[in-house]
Amino acid sequence: MKTSCLPFSFVALLMIQTAHAVTFTVTNTLDGGVGSLNSAILSNNATASGTNTIAFNILPLDGTVKTIFVTNS
């Protein structure tokens, strides 16, 4: 039975290329708390992974415009 050993540099490169991006979802129009845009931005800034995404899923999904008022904190 033959086994193969990958060089460390190749394994390290593979780990870097497979870093997972994170998606943070905004689910309300509140200024803070779980599901808010502020929370998504803070979570994104605290994450060391590559390019992340902030997605919006604010109910109801009826095509109406939702307004998020952000204050300085």
C-alpha atoms as a PDB file:
ATOM      1  CA  MET A   1       0.000   0.000   0.000  1.00  0.00           C
ATOM      2  CA  LYS A   2       1.501   3.296  -1.126  1.00  0.00           C
ATOM      3  CA  THR A   3       0.902   6.494   0.813  1.00  0.00           C
ATOM      4  CA  SER A   4       1.588   9.994  -0.362  1.00  0.00           C
ATOM      5  CA  CYS A   5       2.662  12.988   1.643  1.00  0.00           C
ATOM      6  CA  LEU A   6       1.819  16.481   0.466  1.00  0.00           C
ATOM      7  CA  PRO A   7       4.413  19.163   1.093  1.00  0.00           C
ATOM      8  CA  PHE A   8       3.493  21.540   3.919  1.00  0.00           C
ATOM      9  CA  SER A   9       3.576  24.595   1.633  1.00  0.00           C
ATOM     10  CA  PHE A  10       0.983  23.024  -0.669  1.00  0.00           C
ATOM     11  CA  VAL A  11      -1.311  22.199   2.244  1.00  0.00           C
ATOM     12  CA  ALA A  12      -0.940  25.716   3.664  1.00  0.00           C
ATOM     13  CA  LEU A  13      -1.748  27.219   0.255  1.00  0.00           C
ATOM     14  CA  LEU A  14      -4.794  24.996  -0.051  1.00  0.00           C
ATOM     15  CA  MET A  15      -6.017  26.130   3.374  1.00  0.00           C
ATOM     16  CA  ILE A  16      -5.614  29.795   2.428  1.00  0.00           C
ATOM     17  CA  GLN A  17      -7.512  29.380  -0.820  1.00  0.00           C
ATOM     18  CA  THR A  18     -10.400  27.573   0.845  1.00  0.00           C
ATOM     19  CA  ALA A  19     -11.063  30.251   3.481  1.00  0.00           C
ATOM     20  CA  HIS A  20     -14.812  30.638   3.620  1.00  0.00           C
ATOM     21  CA  ALA A  21     -16.517  33.964   3.209  1.00  0.00           C
ATOM     22  CA  VAL A  22     -19.307  34.674   5.661  1.00  0.00           C
ATOM     23  CA  THR A  23     -22.744  36.082   4.859  1.00  0.00           C
ATOM     24  CA  PHE A  24     -24.366  38.293   7.480  1.00  0.00           C
ATOM     25  CA  THR A  25     -28.108  38.769   6.985  1.00  0.00           C
ATOM     26  CA  VAL A  26     -30.014  41.917   7.944  1.00  0.00           C
ATOM     27  CA  THR A  27     -33.557  40.952   8.935  1.00  0.00           C
ATOM     28  CA  ASN A  28     -34.958  44.161  10.446  1.00  0.00           C
ATOM     29  CA  THR A  29     -34.745  47.948  10.196  1.00  0.00           C
ATOM     30  CA  LEU A  30     -33.698  48.509  13.821  1.00  0.00           C
ATOM     31  CA  ASP A  31     -30.595  50.549  14.635  1.00  0.00           C
ATOM     32  CA  GLY A  32     -29.064  47.775  16.740  1.00  0.00           C
ATOM     33  CA  GLY A  33     -29.440  44.258  18.004  1.00  0.00           C
ATOM     34  CA  VAL A  34     -29.612  40.872  16.323  1.00  0.00           C
ATOM     35  CA  GLY A  35     -30.500  41.129  12.630  1.00  0.00           C
ATOM     36  CA  SER A  36     -29.731  44.850  12.331  1.00  0.00           C
ATOM     37  CA  LEU A  37     -27.440  46.481   9.788  1.00  0.00           C
ATOM     38  CA  ASN A  38     -25.272  47.772  12.639  1.00  0.00           C
ATOM     39  CA  SER A  39     -24.875  44.232  13.999  1.00  0.00           C
ATOM     40  CA  ALA A  40     -23.996  42.910  10.540  1.00  0.00           C
ATOM     41  CA  ILE A  41     -21.319  45.586  10.056  1.00  0.00           C
ATOM     42  CA  LEU A  42     -19.807  44.981  13.496  1.00  0.00           C
ATOM     43  CA  SER A  43     -19.807  41.208  12.937  1.00  0.00           C
ATOM     44  CA  ASN A  44     -18.235  41.648   9.523  1.00  0.00           C
ATOM     45  CA  ASN A  45     -15.479  43.860  10.936  1.00  0.00           C
ATOM     46  CA  ALA A  46     -14.755  41.298  13.663  1.00  0.00           C
ATOM     47  CA  THR A  47     -14.409  38.438  11.171  1.00  0.00           C
ATOM     48  CA  ALA A  48     -10.961  37.696   9.781  1.00  0.00           C
ATOM     49  CA  SER A  49     -12.148  35.683   6.787  1.00  0.00           C
ATOM     50  CA  GLY A  50     -11.845  36.951   3.194  1.00  0.00           C
ATOM     51  CA  THR A  51     -14.544  38.881   1.401  1.00  0.00           C
ATOM     52  CA  ASN A  52     -17.803  38.737   3.323  1.00  0.00           C
ATOM     53  CA  THR A  53     -21.329  39.612   2.237  1.00  0.00           C
ATOM     54  CA  ILE A  54     -24.098  41.541   3.950  1.00  0.00           C
ATOM     55  CA  ALA A  55     -27.459  40.361   2.608  1.00  0.00           C
ATOM     56  CA  PHE A  56     -30.864  41.904   3.245  1.00  0.00           C
ATOM     57  CA  ASN A  57     -33.951  39.817   4.020  1.00  0.00           C
ATOM     58  CA  ILE A  58     -36.356  42.240   5.670  1.00  0.00           C
ATOM     59  CA  LEU A  59     -39.946  41.013   5.802  1.00  0.00           C
ATOM     60  CA  PRO A  60     -42.403  41.380   4.301  1.00  0.00           C
ATOM     61  CA  LEU A  61     -40.807  40.546   0.949  1.00  0.00           C
ATOM     62  CA  ASP A  62     -43.513  42.380  -0.987  1.00  0.00           C
ATOM     63  CA  GLY A  63     -41.350  44.763  -3.013  1.00  0.00           C
ATOM     64  CA  THR A  64     -41.938  47.738  -0.722  1.00  0.00           C
ATOM     65  CA  VAL A  65     -39.041  50.011   0.159  1.00  0.00           C
ATOM     66  CA  LYS A  66     -37.616  49.521   3.645  1.00  0.00           C
ATOM     67  CA  THR A  67     -35.733  52.390   5.307  1.00  0.00           C
ATOM     68  CA  ILE A  68     -32.948  51.768   7.815  1.00  0.00           C
ATOM     69  CA  PHE A  69     -32.108  54.762   9.999  1.00  0.00           C
ATOM     70  CA  VAL A  70     -28.576  54.468  11.383  1.00  0.00           C
ATOM     71  CA  THR A  71     -27.399  56.650  14.238  1.00  0.00           C
ATOM     72  CA  ASN A  72     -23.860  57.230  15.421  1.00  0.00           C
ATOM     73  CA  SER A  73     -23.007  55.130  18.432  1.00  0.00           C
END
